[in-house]
C-alpha cells in the first residue's frame, strides 16, 4: 500500500510526496504557496531557522494508484482548495486556517 504525505508550514501546504517501498513521486505546489509561507513566517516573527523549521509538519495517509498520478491529483486538489484569497487570509492569520463557520 502506498502512502501520501502532504508537507505543510503551519496550515499552508507546500508539497505532496507519494511513496511505495523504494519508489516515490513528488508534486511541488505552485510558487504562490512558498511565497505565502514566507510572508506568513515573516508576519509571525518566525524568521529564525529554528523557529521556521519547528512549524513544518506532515500529514500521512494511505493511497492507491500510480504514484505520480496520485501526487499530481492531490497537488491539483490542494491548488483548487487554496485560491489566492484563501492563501492571503492565511498569511494574515500567520499561516493558520481561517474558521469558515
PDB file of N, CA and C in Angstrom:
ATOM      1  N   UNK A   1       0.845  -1.178   0.000  1.00  0.00           N
ATOM      2  CA  UNK A   1       0.000   0.000   0.000  1.00  0.00           C
ATOM      3  C   UNK A   1       0.892   1.244   0.000  1.00  0.00           C
ATOM      4  N   UNK A   2       0.562   2.186  -0.845  1.00  0.00           N
ATOM      5  CA  UNK A   2       1.311   3.432  -0.939  1.00  0.00           C
ATOM      6  C   UNK A   2       0.873   4.389   0.167  1.00  0.00           C
ATOM      7  N   UNK A   3       1.753   5.345   0.475  1.00  0.00           N
ATOM      8  CA  UNK A   3       1.442   6.371   1.471  1.00  0.00           C
ATOM      9  C   UNK A   3       1.675   7.734   0.851  1.00  0.00           C
ATOM     10  N   UNK A   4       0.718   8.620   1.069  1.00  0.00           N
ATOM     11  CA  UNK A   4       0.865  10.000   0.607  1.00  0.00           C
ATOM     12  C   UNK A   4       1.201  10.872   1.808  1.00  0.00           C
ATOM     13  N   UNK A   5       2.056  11.838   1.568  1.00  0.00           N
ATOM     14  CA  UNK A   5       2.446  12.789   2.602  1.00  0.00           C
ATOM     15  C   UNK A   5       2.253  14.192   2.053  1.00  0.00           C
ATOM     16  N   UNK A   6       1.479  14.987   2.761  1.00  0.00           N
ATOM     17  CA  UNK A   6       1.373  16.407   2.423  1.00  0.00           C
ATOM     18  C   UNK A   6       2.210  17.149   3.449  1.00  0.00           C
ATOM     19  N   UNK A   7       3.115  17.974   2.954  1.00  0.00           N
ATOM     20  CA  UNK A   7       4.011  18.740   3.819  1.00  0.00           C
ATOM     21  C   UNK A   7       3.451  20.159   3.939  1.00  0.00           C
ATOM     22  N   UNK A   8       3.298  20.609   5.175  1.00  0.00           N
ATOM     23  CA  UNK A   8       2.708  21.916   5.477  1.00  0.00           C
ATOM     24  C   UNK A   8       3.671  22.771   6.289  1.00  0.00           C
ATOM     25  N   UNK A   9       3.587  24.083   6.113  1.00  0.00           N
ATOM     26  CA  UNK A   9       4.129  25.027   7.086  1.00  0.00           C
ATOM     27  C   UNK A   9       2.898  25.589   7.787  1.00  0.00           C
ATOM     28  N   UNK A  10       2.780  25.276   9.044  1.00  0.00           N
ATOM     29  CA  UNK A  10       1.560  25.537   9.810  1.00  0.00           C
ATOM     30  C   UNK A  10       0.397  24.898   9.052  1.00  0.00           C
ATOM     31  N   UNK A  11      -0.516  25.669   8.458  1.00  0.00           N
ATOM     32  CA  UNK A  11      -1.628  25.077   7.709  1.00  0.00           C
ATOM     33  C   UNK A  11      -1.522  25.305   6.205  1.00  0.00           C
ATOM     34  N   UNK A  12      -0.424  25.858   5.747  1.00  0.00           N
ATOM     35  CA  UNK A  12      -0.244  26.123   4.315  1.00  0.00           C
ATOM     36  C   UNK A  12       0.526  24.962   3.694  1.00  0.00           C
ATOM     37  N   UNK A  13      -0.084  24.270   2.724  1.00  0.00           N
ATOM     38  CA  UNK A  13       0.608  23.135   2.094  1.00  0.00           C
ATOM     39  C   UNK A  13       1.717  23.602   1.163  1.00  0.00           C
ATOM     40  N   UNK A  14       2.738  22.767   0.982  1.00  0.00           N
ATOM     41  CA  UNK A  14       3.820  23.126   0.063  1.00  0.00           C
ATOM     42  C   UNK A  14       4.162  22.018  -0.921  1.00  0.00           C
ATOM     43  N   UNK A  15       3.967  20.760  -0.541  1.00  0.00           N
ATOM     44  CA  UNK A  15       4.419  19.664  -1.396  1.00  0.00           C
ATOM     45  C   UNK A  15       3.651  18.390  -1.065  1.00  0.00           C
ATOM     46  N   UNK A  16       3.517  17.526  -2.092  1.00  0.00           N
ATOM     47  CA  UNK A  16       2.925  16.203  -1.921  1.00  0.00           C
ATOM     48  C   UNK A  16       3.982  15.172  -2.299  1.00  0.00           C
ATOM     49  N   UNK A  17       4.164  14.176  -1.442  1.00  0.00           N
ATOM     50  CA  UNK A  17       5.092  13.074  -1.718  1.00  0.00           C
ATOM     51  C   UNK A  17       4.306  11.779  -1.576  1.00  0.00           C
ATOM     52  N   UNK A  18       4.417  10.906  -2.579  1.00  0.00           N
ATOM     53  CA  UNK A  18       3.753   9.606  -2.527  1.00  0.00           C
ATOM     54  C   UNK A  18       4.830   8.542  -2.631  1.00  0.00           C
ATOM     55  N   UNK A  19       4.815   7.576  -1.696  1.00  0.00           N
ATOM     56  CA  UNK A  19       5.843   6.528  -1.662  1.00  0.00           C
ATOM     57  C   UNK A  19       5.211   5.155  -1.557  1.00  0.00           C
ATOM     58  N   UNK A  20       5.869   4.224  -2.204  1.00  0.00           N
ATOM     59  CA  UNK A  20       5.549   2.811  -2.025  1.00  0.00           C
ATOM     60  C   UNK A  20       6.865   2.062  -2.126  1.00  0.00           C
ATOM     61  N   UNK A  21       7.292   1.492  -1.010  1.00  0.00           N
ATOM     62  CA  UNK A  21       8.593   0.841  -0.984  1.00  0.00           C
ATOM     63  C   UNK A  21       9.686   1.860  -1.257  1.00  0.00           C
ATOM     64  N   UNK A  22      10.537   1.563  -2.237  1.00  0.00           N
ATOM     65  CA  UNK A  22      11.633   2.483  -2.577  1.00  0.00           C
ATOM     66  C   UNK A  22      11.264   3.478  -3.669  1.00  0.00           C
ATOM     67  N   UNK A  23      10.072   3.337  -4.226  1.00  0.00           N
ATOM     68  CA  UNK A  23       9.628   4.241  -5.291  1.00  0.00           C
ATOM     69  C   UNK A  23       8.887   5.423  -4.686  1.00  0.00           C
ATOM     70  N   UNK A  24       9.066   6.583  -5.307  1.00  0.00           N
ATOM     71  CA  UNK A  24       8.352   7.764  -4.827  1.00  0.00           C
ATOM     72  C   UNK A  24       8.091   8.728  -5.975  1.00  0.00           C
ATOM     73  N   UNK A  25       7.117   9.586  -5.764  1.00  0.00           N
ATOM     74  CA  UNK A  25       6.793  10.657  -6.705  1.00  0.00           C
ATOM     75  C   UNK A  25       6.493  11.902  -5.880  1.00  0.00           C
ATOM     76  N   UNK A  26       6.898  13.056  -6.401  1.00  0.00           N
ATOM     77  CA  UNK A  26       6.684  14.321  -5.704  1.00  0.00           C
ATOM     78  C   UNK A  26       5.957  15.292  -6.616  1.00  0.00           C
ATOM     79  N   UNK A  27       5.154  16.134  -6.008  1.00  0.00           N
ATOM     80  CA  UNK A  27       4.492  17.221  -6.728  1.00  0.00           C
ATOM     81  C   UNK A  27       4.607  18.477  -5.873  1.00  0.00           C
ATOM     82  N   UNK A  28       5.399  19.410  -6.340  1.00  0.00           N
ATOM     83  CA  UNK A  28       5.573  20.690  -5.653  1.00  0.00           C
ATOM     84  C   UNK A  28       4.392  21.584  -6.012  1.00  0.00           C
ATOM     85  N   UNK A  29       3.824  22.254  -5.031  1.00  0.00           N
ATOM     86  CA  UNK A  29       2.750  23.190  -5.326  1.00  0.00           C
ATOM     87  C   UNK A  29       3.337  24.441  -5.966  1.00  0.00           C
ATOM     88  N   UNK A  30       2.472  25.246  -6.570  1.00  0.00           N
ATOM     89  CA  UNK A  30       2.939  26.420  -7.303  1.00  0.00           C
ATOM     90  C   UNK A  30       3.671  27.406  -6.390  1.00  0.00           C
ATOM     91  N   UNK A  31       4.400  28.289  -7.022  1.00  0.00           N
ATOM     92  CA  UNK A  31       5.255  29.262  -6.331  1.00  0.00           C
ATOM     93  C   UNK A  31       4.480  30.108  -5.313  1.00  0.00           C
ATOM     94  N   UNK A  32       3.210  30.340  -5.586  1.00  0.00           N
ATOM     95  CA  UNK A  32       2.423  31.194  -4.688  1.00  0.00           C
ATOM     96  C   UNK A  32       2.310  30.612  -3.276  1.00  0.00           C
ATOM     97  N   UNK A  33       2.427  29.287  -3.148  1.00  0.00           N
ATOM     98  CA  UNK A  33       2.372  28.666  -1.825  1.00  0.00           C
ATOM     99  C   UNK A  33       3.636  28.985  -1.027  1.00  0.00           C
ATOM    100  N   UNK A  34       4.797  28.869  -1.644  1.00  0.00           N
ATOM    101  CA  UNK A  34       6.043  29.201  -0.930  1.00  0.00           C
ATOM    102  C   UNK A  34       6.101  30.690  -0.613  1.00  0.00           C
ATOM    103  N   UNK A  35       5.585  31.513  -1.524  1.00  0.00           N
ATOM    104  CA  UNK A  35       5.537  32.948  -1.243  1.00  0.00           C
ATOM    105  C   UNK A  35       4.633  33.225  -0.044  1.00  0.00           C
ATOM    106  N   UNK A  36       3.493  32.531   0.022  1.00  0.00           N
ATOM    107  CA  UNK A  36       2.579  32.701   1.157  1.00  0.00           C
ATOM    108  C   UNK A  36       3.232  32.226   2.452  1.00  0.00           C
ATOM    109  N   UNK A  37       3.944  31.110   2.385  1.00  0.00           N
ATOM    110  CA  UNK A  37       4.635  30.593   3.571  1.00  0.00           C
ATOM    111  C   UNK A  37       5.670  31.603   4.058  1.00  0.00           C
ATOM    112  N   UNK A  38       6.453  32.155   3.140  1.00  0.00           N
ATOM    113  CA  UNK A  38       7.473  33.134   3.521  1.00  0.00           C
ATOM    114  C   UNK A  38       6.845  34.380   4.151  1.00  0.00           C
ATOM    115  N   UNK A  39       5.759  34.874   3.558  1.00  0.00           N
ATOM    116  CA  UNK A  39       5.087  36.060   4.099  1.00  0.00           C
ATOM    117  C   UNK A  39       4.483  35.775   5.470  1.00  0.00           C
ATOM    118  N   UNK A  40       3.854  34.608   5.613  1.00  0.00           N
ATOM    119  CA  UNK A  40       3.244  34.249   6.899  1.00  0.00           C
ATOM    120  C   UNK A  40       4.308  34.094   7.980  1.00  0.00           C
ATOM    121  N   UNK A  41       5.444  33.514   7.623  1.00  0.00           N
ATOM    122  CA  UNK A  41       6.536  33.341   8.585  1.00  0.00           C
ATOM    123  C   UNK A  41       7.063  34.698   9.044  1.00  0.00           C
ATOM    124  N   UNK A  42       7.188  35.628   8.115  1.00  0.00           N
ATOM    125  CA  UNK A  42       7.644  36.976   8.474  1.00  0.00           C
ATOM    126  C   UNK A  42       6.622  37.644   9.400  1.00  0.00           C
ATOM    127  N   UNK A  43       5.356  37.530   9.051  1.00  0.00           N
ATOM    128  CA  UNK A  43       4.296  38.138   9.855  1.00  0.00           C
ATOM    129  C   UNK A  43       4.260  37.538  11.264  1.00  0.00           C
ATOM    130  N   UNK A  44       4.545  36.234  11.350  1.00  0.00           N
ATOM    131  CA  UNK A  44       4.518  35.532  12.639  1.00  0.00           C
ATOM    132  C   UNK A  44       5.813  35.705  13.424  1.00  0.00           C
ATOM    133  N   UNK A  45       6.807  36.368  12.825  1.00  0.00           N
ATOM    134  CA  UNK A  45       8.084  36.541  13.508  1.00  0.00           C
ATOM    135  C   UNK A  45       8.888  35.257  13.588  1.00  0.00           C
ATOM    136  N   UNK A  46       8.706  34.375  12.609  1.00  0.00           N
ATOM    137  CA  UNK A  46       9.378  33.069  12.600  1.00  0.00           C
ATOM    138  C   UNK A  46      10.502  33.050  11.565  1.00  0.00           C
ATOM    139  N   UNK A  47      11.303  34.122  11.499  1.00  0.00           N
ATOM    140  CA  UNK A  47      12.373  34.215  10.514  1.00  0.00           C
ATOM    141  C   UNK A  47      13.581  33.363  10.859  1.00  0.00           C
ATOM    142  N   UNK A  48      13.847  33.145  12.129  1.00  0.00           N
ATOM    143  CA  UNK A  48      14.994  32.333  12.529  1.00  0.00           C
ATOM    144  C   UNK A  48      14.810  30.905  12.066  1.00  0.00           C
ATOM    145  N   UNK A  49      15.887  30.274  11.663  1.00  0.00           N
ATOM    146  CA  UNK A  49      15.758  28.936  11.082  1.00  0.00           C
ATOM    147  C   UNK A  49      15.139  27.937  12.053  1.00  0.00           C
ATOM    148  N   UNK A  50      15.484  28.019  13.326  1.00  0.00           N
ATOM    149  CA  UNK A  50      14.922  27.074  14.294  1.00  0.00           C
ATOM    150  C   UNK A  50      13.409  27.253  14.408  1.00  0.00           C
ATOM    151  N   UNK A  51      12.959  28.491  14.572  1.00  0.00           N
ATOM    152  CA  UNK A  51      11.530  28.765  14.698  1.00  0.00           C
ATOM    153  C   UNK A  51      10.787  28.381  13.425  1.00  0.00           C
ATOM    154  N   UNK A  52      11.371  28.725  12.293  1.00  0.00           N
ATOM    155  CA  UNK A  52      10.756  28.426  10.994  1.00  0.00           C
ATOM    156  C   UNK A  52      10.609  26.919  10.809  1.00  0.00           C
ATOM    157  N   UNK A  53      11.644  26.169  11.112  1.00  0.00           N
ATOM    158  CA  UNK A  53      11.617  24.716  10.925  1.00  0.00           C
ATOM    159  C   UNK A  53      10.654  24.022  11.885  1.00  0.00           C
ATOM    160  N   UNK A  54      10.464  24.580  13.058  1.00  0.00           N
ATOM    161  CA  UNK A  54       9.556  23.974  14.036  1.00  0.00           C
ATOM    162  C   UNK A  54       8.113  23.912  13.545  1.00  0.00           C
ATOM    163  N   UNK A  55       7.742  24.788  12.635  1.00  0.00           N
ATOM    164  CA  UNK A  55       6.352  24.870  12.186  1.00  0.00           C
ATOM    165  C   UNK A  55       6.031  23.986  10.983  1.00  0.00           C
ATOM    166  N   UNK A  56       6.998  23.243  10.482  1.00  0.00           N
ATOM    167  CA  UNK A  56       6.732  22.310   9.385  1.00  0.00           C
ATOM    168  C   UNK A  56       6.136  21.039   9.959  1.00  0.00           C
ATOM    169  N   UNK A  57       5.167  20.472   9.246  1.00  0.00           N
ATOM    170  CA  UNK A  57       4.549  19.226   9.684  1.00  0.00           C
ATOM    171  C   UNK A  57       4.145  18.400   8.469  1.00  0.00           C
ATOM    172  N   UNK A  58       3.879  17.137   8.714  1.00  0.00           N
ATOM    173  CA  UNK A  58       3.499  16.201   7.652  1.00  0.00           C
ATOM    174  C   UNK A  58       2.199  15.509   8.034  1.00  0.00           C
ATOM    175  N   UNK A  59       1.346  15.324   7.034  1.00  0.00           N
ATOM    176  CA  UNK A  59       0.120  14.552   7.206  1.00  0.00           C
ATOM    177  C   UNK A  59       0.230  13.356   6.268  1.00  0.00           C
ATOM    178  N   UNK A  60       0.194  12.155   6.847  1.00  0.00           N
ATOM    179  CA  UNK A  60       0.413  10.926   6.084  1.00  0.00           C
ATOM    180  C   UNK A  60      -0.873  10.112   6.047  1.00  0.00           C
ATOM    181  N   UNK A  61      -1.219   9.640   4.839  1.00  0.00           N
ATOM    182  CA  UNK A  61      -2.392   8.787   4.646  1.00  0.00           C
ATOM    183  C   UNK A  61      -2.038   7.686   3.665  1.00  0.00           C
ATOM    184  N   UNK A  62      -2.798   6.608   3.682  1.00  0.00           N
ATOM    185  CA  UNK A  62      -2.604   5.565   2.677  1.00  0.00           C
ATOM    186  C   UNK A  62      -3.341   5.965   1.404  1.00  0.00           C
ATOM    187  N   UNK A  63      -2.864   5.447   0.283  1.00  0.00           N
ATOM    188  CA  UNK A  63      -3.477   5.755  -1.006  1.00  0.00           C
ATOM    189  C   UNK A  63      -3.223   4.604  -1.970  1.00  0.00           C
ATOM    190  N   UNK A  64      -3.894   4.652  -3.104  1.00  0.00           N
ATOM    191  CA  UNK A  64      -3.717   3.636  -4.132  1.00  0.00           C
ATOM    192  C   UNK A  64      -3.603   4.310  -5.487  1.00  0.00           C
ATOM    193  N   UNK A  65      -2.901   3.641  -6.400  1.00  0.00           N
ATOM    194  CA  UNK A  65      -2.800   4.133  -7.762  1.00  0.00           C
ATOM    195  C   UNK A  65      -1.366   4.406  -8.154  1.00  0.00           C
ATOM    196  N   UNK A  66      -1.212   4.868  -9.382  1.00  0.00           N
ATOM    197  CA  UNK A  66       0.093   5.255  -9.903  1.00  0.00           C
ATOM    198  C   UNK A  66       0.635   6.408  -9.062  1.00  0.00           C
ATOM    199  N   UNK A  67       1.854   6.281  -8.582  1.00  0.00           N
ATOM    200  CA  UNK A  67       2.407   7.252  -7.636  1.00  0.00           C
ATOM    201  C   UNK A  67       2.385   8.677  -8.181  1.00  0.00           C
ATOM    202  N   UNK A  68       2.858   8.861  -9.408  1.00  0.00           N
ATOM    203  CA  UNK A  68       2.924  10.205  -9.992  1.00  0.00           C
ATOM    204  C   UNK A  68       1.522  10.779 -10.200  1.00  0.00           C
ATOM    205  N   UNK A  69       0.597   9.933 -10.644  1.00  0.00           N
ATOM    206  CA  UNK A  69      -0.778  10.392 -10.850  1.00  0.00           C
ATOM    207  C   UNK A  69      -1.411  10.816  -9.533  1.00  0.00           C
ATOM    208  N   UNK A  70      -1.206  10.018  -8.496  1.00  0.00           N
ATOM    209  CA  UNK A  70      -1.755  10.351  -7.174  1.00  0.00           C
ATOM    210  C   UNK A  70      -1.159  11.664  -6.674  1.00  0.00           C
ATOM    211  N   UNK A  71       0.151  11.823  -6.778  1.00  0.00           N
ATOM    212  CA  UNK A  71       0.812  13.051  -6.317  1.00  0.00           C
ATOM    213  C   UNK A  71       0.277  14.267  -7.069  1.00  0.00           C
ATOM    214  N   UNK A  72       0.182  14.163  -8.383  1.00  0.00           N
ATOM    215  CA  UNK A  72      -0.300  15.288  -9.190  1.00  0.00           C
ATOM    216  C   UNK A  72      -1.761  15.609  -8.899  1.00  0.00           C
ATOM    217  N   UNK A  73      -2.583  14.578  -8.724  1.00  0.00           N
ATOM    218  CA  UNK A  73      -4.002  14.790  -8.419  1.00  0.00           C
ATOM    219  C   UNK A  73      -4.170  15.473  -7.070  1.00  0.00           C
ATOM    220  N   UNK A  74      -3.429  15.011  -6.087  1.00  0.00           N
ATOM    221  CA  UNK A  74      -3.513  15.625  -4.758  1.00  0.00           C
ATOM    222  C   UNK A  74      -3.034  17.076  -4.793  1.00  0.00           C
ATOM    223  N   UNK A  75      -1.969  17.333  -5.529  1.00  0.00           N
ATOM    224  CA  UNK A  75      -1.454  18.702  -5.638  1.00  0.00           C
ATOM    225  C   UNK A  75      -2.484  19.607  -6.308  1.00  0.00           C
ATOM    226  N   UNK A  76      -3.122  19.116  -7.356  1.00  0.00           N
ATOM    227  CA  UNK A  76      -4.141  19.908  -8.049  1.00  0.00           C
ATOM    228  C   UNK A  76      -5.323  20.203  -7.121  1.00  0.00           C
ATOM    229  N   UNK A  77      -5.721  19.221  -6.332  1.00  0.00           N
ATOM    230  CA  UNK A  77      -6.809  19.438  -5.371  1.00  0.00           C
ATOM    231  C   UNK A  77      -6.433  20.509  -4.350  1.00  0.00           C
ATOM    232  N   UNK A  78      -5.202  20.477  -3.871  1.00  0.00           N
ATOM    233  CA  UNK A  78      -4.744  21.496  -2.917  1.00  0.00           C
ATOM    234  C   UNK A  78      -4.712  22.876  -3.565  1.00  0.00           C
ATOM    235  N   UNK A  79      -4.289  22.940  -4.822  1.00  0.00           N
ATOM    236  CA  UNK A  79      -4.283  24.215  -5.556  1.00  0.00           C
ATOM    237  C   UNK A  79      -5.702  24.782  -5.622  1.00  0.00           C
ATOM    238  N   UNK A  80      -6.670  23.928  -5.939  1.00  0.00           N
ATOM    239  CA  UNK A  80      -8.059  24.380  -6.063  1.00  0.00           C
ATOM    240  C   UNK A  80      -8.667  24.751  -4.711  1.00  0.00           C
ATOM    241  N   UNK A  81      -8.262  24.066  -3.661  1.00  0.00           N
ATOM    242  CA  UNK A  81      -8.786  24.343  -2.319  1.00  0.00           C
ATOM    243  C   UNK A  81      -8.214  25.632  -1.717  1.00  0.00           C
ATOM    244  N   UNK A  82      -7.141  26.136  -2.313  1.00  0.00           N
ATOM    245  CA  UNK A  82      -6.466  27.317  -1.764  1.00  0.00           C
ATOM    246  C   UNK A  82      -6.315  28.398  -2.838  1.00  0.00           C
ATOM    247  N   UNK A  83      -7.433  29.018  -3.262  1.00  0.00           N
ATOM    248  CA  UNK A  83      -7.307  30.136  -4.199  1.00  0.00           C
ATOM    249  C   UNK A  83      -6.563  31.290  -3.518  1.00  0.00           C
ATOM    250  N   UNK A  84      -6.199  32.283  -4.299  1.00  0.00           N
ATOM    251  CA  UNK A  84      -5.389  33.388  -3.780  1.00  0.00           C
ATOM    252  C   UNK A  84      -5.996  34.059  -2.547  1.00  0.00           C
ATOM    253  N   UNK A  85      -7.317  34.246  -2.535  1.00  0.00           N
ATOM    254  CA  UNK A  85      -7.922  34.930  -1.387  1.00  0.00           C
ATOM    255  C   UNK A  85      -7.790  34.113  -0.098  1.00  0.00           C
ATOM    256  N   UNK A  86      -7.888  32.799  -0.204  1.00  0.00           N
ATOM    257  CA  UNK A  86      -7.714  31.939   0.978  1.00  0.00           C
ATOM    258  C   UNK A  86      -6.263  31.987   1.456  1.00  0.00           C
ATOM    259  N   UNK A  87      -5.317  31.897   0.510  1.00  0.00           N
ATOM    260  CA  UNK A  87      -3.901  31.968   0.897  1.00  0.00           C
ATOM    261  C   UNK A  87      -3.579  33.299   1.566  1.00  0.00           C
ATOM    262  N   UNK A  88      -4.111  34.395   1.014  1.00  0.00           N
ATOM    263  CA  UNK A  88      -3.835  35.707   1.602  1.00  0.00           C
ATOM    264  C   UNK A  88      -4.425  35.820   3.006  1.00  0.00           C
ATOM    265  N   UNK A  89      -5.604  35.241   3.207  1.00  0.00           N
ATOM    266  CA  UNK A  89      -6.202  35.246   4.550  1.00  0.00           C
ATOM    267  C   UNK A  89      -5.345  34.432   5.516  1.00  0.00           C
ATOM    268  N   UNK A  90      -4.790  33.327   5.039  1.00  0.00           N
ATOM    269  CA  UNK A  90      -3.918  32.511   5.884  1.00  0.00           C
ATOM    270  C   UNK A  90      -2.626  33.251   6.205  1.00  0.00           C
ATOM    271  N   UNK A  91      -2.108  34.018   5.258  1.00  0.00           N
ATOM    272  CA  UNK A  91      -0.916  34.834   5.517  1.00  0.00           C
ATOM    273  C   UNK A  91      -1.224  35.830   6.632  1.00  0.00           C
ATOM    274  N   UNK A  92      -2.364  36.504   6.525  1.00  0.00           N
ATOM    275  CA  UNK A  92      -2.746  37.486   7.549  1.00  0.00           C
ATOM    276  C   UNK A  92      -2.939  36.830   8.909  1.00  0.00           C
ATOM    277  N   UNK A  93      -3.308  35.542   8.895  1.00  0.00           N
ATOM    278  CA  UNK A  93      -3.508  34.792  10.136  1.00  0.00           C
ATOM    279  C   UNK A  93      -2.249  34.005  10.529  1.00  0.00           C
ATOM    280  N   UNK A  94      -1.110  34.442  10.022  1.00  0.00           N
ATOM    281  CA  UNK A  94       0.204  33.883  10.369  1.00  0.00           C
ATOM    282  C   UNK A  94       0.356  32.413  10.004  1.00  0.00           C
ATOM    283  N   UNK A  95      -0.289  32.016   8.896  1.00  0.00           N
ATOM    284  CA  UNK A  95      -0.125  30.662   8.379  1.00  0.00           C
ATOM    285  C   UNK A  95      -1.166  29.670   8.833  1.00  0.00           C
ATOM    286  N   UNK A  96      -2.117  30.127   9.626  1.00  0.00           N
ATOM    287  CA  UNK A  96      -3.152  29.225  10.119  1.00  0.00           C
ATOM    288  C   UNK A  96      -4.434  29.378   9.318  1.00  0.00           C
ATOM    289  N   UNK A  97      -5.225  28.297   9.294  1.00  0.00           N
ATOM    290  CA  UNK A  97      -6.521  28.309   8.622  1.00  0.00           C
ATOM    291  C   UNK A  97      -7.420  29.358   9.255  1.00  0.00           C
ATOM    292  N   UNK A  98      -8.324  29.850   8.424  1.00  0.00           N
ATOM    293  CA  UNK A  98      -9.349  30.767   8.891  1.00  0.00           C
ATOM    294  C   UNK A  98     -10.612  29.950   9.111  1.00  0.00           C
ATOM    295  N   UNK A  99     -11.264  30.121  10.244  1.00  0.00           N
ATOM    296  CA  UNK A  99     -12.503  29.387  10.524  1.00  0.00           C
ATOM    297  C   UNK A  99     -13.573  29.860   9.550  1.00  0.00           C
ATOM    298  N   UNK A 100     -14.103  28.927   8.752  1.00  0.00           N
ATOM    299  CA  UNK A 100     -15.079  29.252   7.712  1.00  0.00           C
ATOM    300  C   UNK A 100     -16.521  29.208   8.218  1.00  0.00           C
ATOM    301  N   UNK A 101     -16.742  28.966   9.506  1.00  0.00           N
ATOM    302  CA  UNK A 101     -18.116  28.847  10.014  1.00  0.00           C
ATOM    303  C   UNK A 101     -18.706  30.175  10.380  1.00  0.00           C
TER     304      UNK A 101
END
